[in-house]
Amino acid sequence: MTLLVAGLLIFLAVHSVRIGADGWRTAQIARHGVKAWKGVYTLVSVVGLVLIIWGYGVARQSPVILYSPPVWTRHLAALLTLVAFVMIAAAYVPKTRIKAKIRHPMVAGVKVWAFAHLLANGTLADVVLFGSFLAWAVLNYSAAMRRDRAANVSYAIGPISRDITAVVIGTIVWLVFTFWLHRVLIGVQPLGNLLQASAPAL
């Protein structure tokens, strides 16, 4: 659990600079340059992410059960994570209606992703991991919306093909992550477990 908590502190701290120290961030970029800032930001983020994955894997070997979600929450979590992946994809496709409506689909997608995992998983490690990301995303989204209002930011809308592109990309990435990458990184294949849990006993 120590590795997981350390990874979360590092990863979420560097991703929280704009929440509580946006002026300091701007000053550092002006002083050292965008490339230097992004380099340090990326390096620290990677270190935090590695510790999170490693620590979560270690914590899962000796799980502490806090609650046992019913099987239907796995179905709902699978659907919600698909929505989350589409939101995250929309953050990188310019001028989507999704982004114009949600304004910060990346952070909103993290909120949905974290909430979905809290619904379907009830160990202490799950609550620490996904609860931390959910709390961070709520605070980050609120701060981002305040910045938008202060700067009177508006988001342009392009053709509907932009939204279709976001949906297609998000769905493809979700499929790859669900059927392959999640098992490689975490050791669990979500829909594999879902189908096994849903199959009738013989």
C-alpha atoms as a PDB file:
ATOM      1  CA  MET A   1       0.000   0.000   0.000  1.00  0.00           C
ATOM      2  CA  THR A   2       2.953   2.329   0.661  1.00  0.00           C
ATOM      3  CA  LEU A   3       4.042   2.183  -2.984  1.00  0.00           C
ATOM      4  CA  LEU A   4       0.498   2.884  -4.167  1.00  0.00           C
ATOM      5  CA  VAL A   5       0.072   5.882  -1.882  1.00  0.00           C
ATOM      6  CA  ALA A   6       3.508   7.239  -2.839  1.00  0.00           C
ATOM      7  CA  GLY A   7       2.675   6.909  -6.529  1.00  0.00           C
ATOM      8  CA  LEU A   8      -0.670   8.647  -6.065  1.00  0.00           C
ATOM      9  CA  LEU A   9       0.927  11.514  -4.139  1.00  0.00           C
ATOM     10  CA  ILE A  10       3.537  12.047  -6.851  1.00  0.00           C
ATOM     11  CA  PHE A  11       1.231  11.633  -9.841  1.00  0.00           C
ATOM     12  CA  LEU A  12      -1.710  13.627  -8.525  1.00  0.00           C
ATOM     13  CA  ALA A  13       0.491  16.348  -7.020  1.00  0.00           C
ATOM     14  CA  VAL A  14       2.100  17.157 -10.350  1.00  0.00           C
ATOM     15  CA  HIS A  15      -1.335  17.085 -12.014  1.00  0.00           C
ATOM     16  CA  SER A  16      -2.744  19.415  -9.363  1.00  0.00           C
ATOM     17  CA  VAL A  17      -0.421  22.353  -9.899  1.00  0.00           C
ATOM     18  CA  ARG A  18      -3.054  24.294 -11.861  1.00  0.00           C
ATOM     19  CA  ILE A  19      -5.583  23.757  -9.078  1.00  0.00           C
ATOM     20  CA  GLY A  20      -3.651  25.494  -6.320  1.00  0.00           C
ATOM     21  CA  ALA A  21      -0.559  27.049  -7.898  1.00  0.00           C
ATOM     22  CA  ASP A  22      -1.454  28.172 -11.388  1.00  0.00           C
ATOM     23  CA  GLY A  23       0.478  31.418 -10.997  1.00  0.00           C
ATOM     24  CA  TRP A  24       3.613  29.552  -9.904  1.00  0.00           C
ATOM     25  CA  ARG A  25       3.248  27.216 -12.881  1.00  0.00           C
ATOM     26  CA  THR A  26       3.026  30.157 -15.269  1.00  0.00           C
ATOM     27  CA  ALA A  27       6.104  31.735 -13.680  1.00  0.00           C
ATOM     28  CA  GLN A  28       8.118  28.508 -14.012  1.00  0.00           C
ATOM     29  CA  ILE A  29       7.189  28.131 -17.668  1.00  0.00           C
ATOM     30  CA  ALA A  30       8.187  31.749 -18.320  1.00  0.00           C
ATOM     31  CA  ARG A  31      11.484  31.223 -16.488  1.00  0.00           C
ATOM     32  CA  HIS A  32      12.546  27.822 -17.828  1.00  0.00           C
ATOM     33  CA  GLY A  33      10.541  27.442 -21.034  1.00  0.00           C
ATOM     34  CA  VAL A  34       7.672  25.209 -22.081  1.00  0.00           C
ATOM     35  CA  LYS A  35       9.898  22.303 -23.155  1.00  0.00           C
ATOM     36  CA  ALA A  36      11.726  22.160 -19.819  1.00  0.00           C
ATOM     37  CA  TRP A  37       8.443  22.318 -17.907  1.00  0.00           C
ATOM     38  CA  LYS A  38       6.874  19.568 -20.011  1.00  0.00           C
ATOM     39  CA  GLY A  39      10.005  17.439 -19.645  1.00  0.00           C
ATOM     40  CA  VAL A  40       9.986  17.583 -15.847  1.00  0.00           C
ATOM     41  CA  TYR A  41       6.198  17.206 -15.780  1.00  0.00           C
ATOM     42  CA  THR A  42       6.357  14.081 -17.945  1.00  0.00           C
ATOM     43  CA  LEU A  43       9.234  12.524 -16.010  1.00  0.00           C
ATOM     44  CA  VAL A  44       7.569  12.996 -12.626  1.00  0.00           C
ATOM     45  CA  SER A  45       4.242  11.743 -14.023  1.00  0.00           C
ATOM     46  CA  VAL A  46       5.851   8.567 -15.376  1.00  0.00           C
ATOM     47  CA  VAL A  47       7.545   7.872 -12.031  1.00  0.00           C
ATOM     48  CA  GLY A  48       4.228   8.327 -10.226  1.00  0.00           C
ATOM     49  CA  LEU A  49       2.346   6.151 -12.703  1.00  0.00           C
ATOM     50  CA  VAL A  50       4.879   3.326 -12.455  1.00  0.00           C
ATOM     51  CA  LEU A  51       4.623   3.389  -8.664  1.00  0.00           C
ATOM     52  CA  ILE A  52       0.809   3.372  -8.872  1.00  0.00           C
ATOM     53  CA  ILE A  53       0.742   0.319 -11.150  1.00  0.00           C
ATOM     54  CA  TRP A  54       3.403  -1.474  -9.116  1.00  0.00           C
ATOM     55  CA  GLY A  55       1.861  -0.578  -5.775  1.00  0.00           C
ATOM     56  CA  TYR A  56      -1.640  -1.549  -6.871  1.00  0.00           C
ATOM     57  CA  GLY A  57      -0.359  -4.910  -8.054  1.00  0.00           C
ATOM     58  CA  VAL A  58       1.356  -5.536  -4.720  1.00  0.00           C
ATOM     59  CA  ALA A  59      -1.715  -4.449  -2.734  1.00  0.00           C
ATOM     60  CA  ARG A  60      -3.966  -6.783  -4.745  1.00  0.00           C
ATOM     61  CA  GLN A  61      -1.915  -9.772  -3.582  1.00  0.00           C
ATOM     62  CA  SER A  62      -3.255  -9.291  -0.037  1.00  0.00           C
ATOM     63  CA  PRO A  63      -6.653  -7.672  -0.558  1.00  0.00           C
ATOM     64  CA  VAL A  64      -8.574  -6.050   2.268  1.00  0.00           C
ATOM     65  CA  ILE A  65     -12.287  -6.298   1.455  1.00  0.00           C
ATOM     66  CA  LEU A  66     -14.325  -3.229   2.392  1.00  0.00           C
ATOM     67  CA  TYR A  67     -17.494  -4.108   0.483  1.00  0.00           C
ATOM     68  CA  SER A  68     -18.657  -6.682  -2.071  1.00  0.00           C
ATOM     69  CA  PRO A  69     -20.385  -5.079  -5.078  1.00  0.00           C
ATOM     70  CA  PRO A  70     -23.191  -7.033  -6.771  1.00  0.00           C
ATOM     71  CA  VAL A  71     -22.547  -8.526 -10.192  1.00  0.00           C
ATOM     72  CA  TRP A  72     -24.661  -5.925 -12.022  1.00  0.00           C
ATOM     73  CA  THR A  73     -22.176  -3.198 -11.066  1.00  0.00           C
ATOM     74  CA  ARG A  74     -19.649  -4.860 -13.376  1.00  0.00           C
ATOM     75  CA  HIS A  75     -22.035  -4.433 -16.292  1.00  0.00           C
ATOM     76  CA  LEU A  76     -22.561  -0.791 -15.406  1.00  0.00           C
ATOM     77  CA  ALA A  77     -18.827  -0.201 -14.922  1.00  0.00           C
ATOM     78  CA  ALA A  78     -18.085  -1.623 -18.382  1.00  0.00           C
ATOM     79  CA  LEU A  79     -20.591   0.800 -19.935  1.00  0.00           C
ATOM     80  CA  LEU A  80     -19.337   3.767 -17.924  1.00  0.00           C
ATOM     81  CA  THR A  81     -15.714   3.137 -18.823  1.00  0.00           C
ATOM     82  CA  LEU A  82     -16.674   3.141 -22.510  1.00  0.00           C
ATOM     83  CA  VAL A  83     -18.280   6.559 -21.979  1.00  0.00           C
ATOM     84  CA  ALA A  84     -15.128   7.689 -20.176  1.00  0.00           C
ATOM     85  CA  PHE A  85     -12.887   6.619 -23.060  1.00  0.00           C
ATOM     86  CA  VAL A  86     -15.057   8.505 -25.548  1.00  0.00           C
ATOM     87  CA  MET A  87     -14.855  11.629 -23.370  1.00  0.00           C
ATOM     88  CA  ILE A  88     -11.081  11.343 -23.151  1.00  0.00           C
ATOM     89  CA  ALA A  89     -10.818  10.895 -26.917  1.00  0.00           C
ATOM     90  CA  ALA A  90     -12.981  13.998 -27.400  1.00  0.00           C
ATOM     91  CA  ALA A  91     -10.376  16.010 -25.501  1.00  0.00           C
ATOM     92  CA  TYR A  92      -7.923  15.415 -28.351  1.00  0.00           C
ATOM     93  CA  VAL A  93     -10.262  15.764 -31.338  1.00  0.00           C
ATOM     94  CA  PRO A  94     -10.678  19.495 -32.031  1.00  0.00           C
ATOM     95  CA  LYS A  95     -14.045  21.240 -32.153  1.00  0.00           C
ATOM     96  CA  THR A  96     -16.271  18.405 -30.999  1.00  0.00           C
ATOM     97  CA  ARG A  97     -19.726  19.025 -29.603  1.00  0.00           C
ATOM     98  CA  ILE A  98     -18.722  16.802 -26.706  1.00  0.00           C
ATOM     99  CA  LYS A  99     -15.942  19.198 -25.729  1.00  0.00           C
ATOM    100  CA  ALA A 100     -18.118  22.278 -26.256  1.00  0.00           C
ATOM    101  CA  LYS A 101     -20.731  20.798 -23.938  1.00  0.00           C
ATOM    102  CA  ILE A 102     -18.525  19.274 -21.242  1.00  0.00           C
ATOM    103  CA  ARG A 103     -15.677  21.801 -21.714  1.00  0.00           C
ATOM    104  CA  HIS A 104     -13.102  19.571 -20.059  1.00  0.00           C
ATOM    105  CA  PRO A 105     -13.862  16.034 -21.276  1.00  0.00           C
ATOM    106  CA  MET A 106     -10.497  14.607 -20.193  1.00  0.00           C
ATOM    107  CA  VAL A 107     -11.099  15.420 -16.527  1.00  0.00           C
ATOM    108  CA  ALA A 108     -14.787  14.491 -16.798  1.00  0.00           C
ATOM    109  CA  GLY A 109     -13.743  11.169 -18.316  1.00  0.00           C
ATOM    110  CA  VAL A 110     -11.439  10.486 -15.372  1.00  0.00           C
ATOM    111  CA  LYS A 111     -14.337  11.180 -13.006  1.00  0.00           C
ATOM    112  CA  VAL A 112     -16.549   8.660 -14.799  1.00  0.00           C
ATOM    113  CA  TRP A 113     -13.717   6.108 -15.014  1.00  0.00           C
ATOM    114  CA  ALA A 114     -12.915   6.370 -11.306  1.00  0.00           C
ATOM    115  CA  PHE A 115     -16.567   6.248 -10.251  1.00  0.00           C
ATOM    116  CA  ALA A 116     -17.156   3.166 -12.429  1.00  0.00           C
ATOM    117  CA  HIS A 117     -14.287   1.324 -10.774  1.00  0.00           C
ATOM    118  CA  LEU A 118     -15.499   2.228  -7.294  1.00  0.00           C
ATOM    119  CA  LEU A 119     -18.880   0.750  -8.189  1.00  0.00           C
ATOM    120  CA  ALA A 120     -17.412  -2.578  -9.259  1.00  0.00           C
ATOM    121  CA  ASN A 121     -14.477  -2.988  -6.851  1.00  0.00           C
ATOM    122  CA  GLY A 122     -14.528  -2.991  -3.079  1.00  0.00           C
ATOM    123  CA  THR A 123     -11.020  -3.604  -1.752  1.00  0.00           C
ATOM    124  CA  LEU A 124      -9.031  -1.063   0.233  1.00  0.00           C
ATOM    125  CA  ALA A 125      -6.559  -0.682  -2.644  1.00  0.00           C
ATOM    126  CA  ASP A 126      -9.421   0.057  -5.054  1.00  0.00           C
ATOM    127  CA  VAL A 127     -10.946   2.667  -2.759  1.00  0.00           C
ATOM    128  CA  VAL A 128      -7.571   4.363  -2.229  1.00  0.00           C
ATOM    129  CA  LEU A 129      -6.705   4.324  -5.948  1.00  0.00           C
ATOM    130  CA  PHE A 130     -10.005   5.212  -7.578  1.00  0.00           C
ATOM    131  CA  GLY A 131     -11.247   7.343  -4.701  1.00  0.00           C
ATOM    132  CA  SER A 132      -8.104   9.471  -4.988  1.00  0.00           C
ATOM    133  CA  PHE A 133      -8.568   9.910  -8.729  1.00  0.00           C
ATOM    134  CA  LEU A 134     -12.248  10.747  -8.283  1.00  0.00           C
ATOM    135  CA  ALA A 135     -11.499  13.401  -5.654  1.00  0.00           C
ATOM    136  CA  TRP A 136      -8.724  14.863  -7.821  1.00  0.00           C
ATOM    137  CA  ALA A 137     -10.957  14.958 -10.894  1.00  0.00           C
ATOM    138  CA  VAL A 138     -13.787  16.705  -9.037  1.00  0.00           C
ATOM    139  CA  LEU A 139     -11.418  19.399  -7.736  1.00  0.00           C
ATOM    140  CA  ASN A 140      -9.644  19.737 -11.078  1.00  0.00           C
ATOM    141  CA  TYR A 141     -12.884  20.066 -13.037  1.00  0.00           C
ATOM    142  CA  SER A 142     -14.181  22.718 -10.664  1.00  0.00           C
ATOM    143  CA  ALA A 143     -10.934  24.702 -10.934  1.00  0.00           C
ATOM    144  CA  ALA A 144     -10.914  24.431 -14.731  1.00  0.00           C
ATOM    145  CA  MET A 145     -14.486  25.681 -14.965  1.00  0.00           C
ATOM    146  CA  ARG A 146     -13.600  28.661 -12.765  1.00  0.00           C
ATOM    147  CA  ARG A 147     -10.682  29.502 -15.060  1.00  0.00           C
ATOM    148  CA  ASP A 148     -12.986  29.304 -18.072  1.00  0.00           C
ATOM    149  CA  ARG A 149     -15.510  31.657 -16.507  1.00  0.00           C
ATOM    150  CA  ALA A 150     -12.801  34.109 -15.457  1.00  0.00           C
ATOM    151  CA  ALA A 151     -11.311  34.157 -18.963  1.00  0.00           C
ATOM    152  CA  ASN A 152     -14.696  33.980 -20.717  1.00  0.00           C
ATOM    153  CA  VAL A 153     -13.530  30.945 -22.695  1.00  0.00           C
ATOM    154  CA  SER A 154     -15.733  29.581 -25.480  1.00  0.00           C
ATOM    155  CA  TYR A 155     -15.308  26.368 -27.455  1.00  0.00           C
ATOM    156  CA  ALA A 156     -15.781  26.210 -31.216  1.00  0.00           C
ATOM    157  CA  ILE A 157     -17.951  23.497 -32.752  1.00  0.00           C
ATOM    158  CA  GLY A 158     -16.994  21.735 -35.968  1.00  0.00           C
ATOM    159  CA  PRO A 159     -18.841  19.230 -38.159  1.00  0.00           C
ATOM    160  CA  ILE A 160     -20.510  16.193 -36.594  1.00  0.00           C
ATOM    161  CA  SER A 161     -17.733  14.062 -38.107  1.00  0.00           C
ATOM    162  CA  ARG A 162     -15.479  15.329 -35.317  1.00  0.00           C
ATOM    163  CA  ASP A 163     -17.753  13.769 -32.695  1.00  0.00           C
ATOM    164  CA  ILE A 164     -18.051  10.562 -34.701  1.00  0.00           C
ATOM    165  CA  THR A 165     -14.258  10.413 -34.842  1.00  0.00           C
ATOM    166  CA  ALA A 166     -14.037  10.822 -31.063  1.00  0.00           C
ATOM    167  CA  VAL A 167     -16.600   8.058 -30.518  1.00  0.00           C
ATOM    168  CA  VAL A 168     -14.798   5.678 -32.889  1.00  0.00           C
ATOM    169  CA  ILE A 169     -11.355   6.363 -31.418  1.00  0.00           C
ATOM    170  CA  GLY A 170     -12.641   6.101 -27.851  1.00  0.00           C
ATOM    171  CA  THR A 171     -14.405   2.812 -28.586  1.00  0.00           C
ATOM    172  CA  ILE A 172     -11.366   1.283 -30.294  1.00  0.00           C
ATOM    173  CA  VAL A 173      -9.036   2.264 -27.455  1.00  0.00           C
ATOM    174  CA  TRP A 174     -11.585   0.966 -24.937  1.00  0.00           C
ATOM    175  CA  LEU A 175     -11.702  -2.384 -26.732  1.00  0.00           C
ATOM    176  CA  VAL A 176      -7.905  -2.669 -26.871  1.00  0.00           C
ATOM    177  CA  PHE A 177      -7.563  -1.722 -23.217  1.00  0.00           C
ATOM    178  CA  THR A 178     -10.426  -3.945 -22.058  1.00  0.00           C
ATOM    179  CA  PHE A 179      -9.475  -7.091 -23.961  1.00  0.00           C
ATOM    180  CA  TRP A 180      -5.675  -6.825 -23.814  1.00  0.00           C
ATOM    181  CA  LEU A 181      -3.884  -3.924 -22.152  1.00  0.00           C
ATOM    182  CA  HIS A 182      -5.804  -4.029 -18.855  1.00  0.00           C
ATOM    183  CA  ARG A 183      -4.786  -7.652 -18.366  1.00  0.00           C
ATOM    184  CA  VAL A 184      -1.153  -6.885 -19.263  1.00  0.00           C
ATOM    185  CA  LEU A 185      -0.883  -3.927 -16.881  1.00  0.00           C
ATOM    186  CA  ILE A 186      -3.253  -4.907 -14.063  1.00  0.00           C
ATOM    187  CA  GLY A 187      -3.579  -8.676 -14.416  1.00  0.00           C
ATOM    188  CA  VAL A 188      -7.362  -8.579 -14.844  1.00  0.00           C
ATOM    189  CA  GLN A 189      -9.410  -8.849 -18.041  1.00  0.00           C
ATOM    190  CA  PRO A 190     -12.631  -6.979 -17.160  1.00  0.00           C
ATOM    191  CA  LEU A 191     -15.013  -8.391 -19.737  1.00  0.00           C
ATOM    192  CA  GLY A 192     -13.501 -11.837 -19.358  1.00  0.00           C
ATOM    193  CA  ASN A 193     -14.462 -11.803 -15.690  1.00  0.00           C
ATOM    194  CA  LEU A 194     -17.804 -10.239 -16.584  1.00  0.00           C
ATOM    195  CA  LEU A 195     -18.678 -13.002 -19.043  1.00  0.00           C
ATOM    196  CA  GLN A 196     -17.536 -15.650 -16.584  1.00  0.00           C
ATOM    197  CA  ALA A 197     -19.669 -14.148 -13.829  1.00  0.00           C
ATOM    198  CA  SER A 198     -22.682 -13.918 -16.144  1.00  0.00           C
ATOM    199  CA  ALA A 199     -22.424 -17.440 -17.545  1.00  0.00           C
ATOM    200  CA  PRO A 200     -24.886 -19.996 -16.147  1.00  0.00           C
ATOM    201  CA  ALA A 201     -23.474 -22.797 -14.030  1.00  0.00           C
ATOM    202  CA  LEU A 202     -23.329 -26.187 -15.753  1.00  0.00           C
END
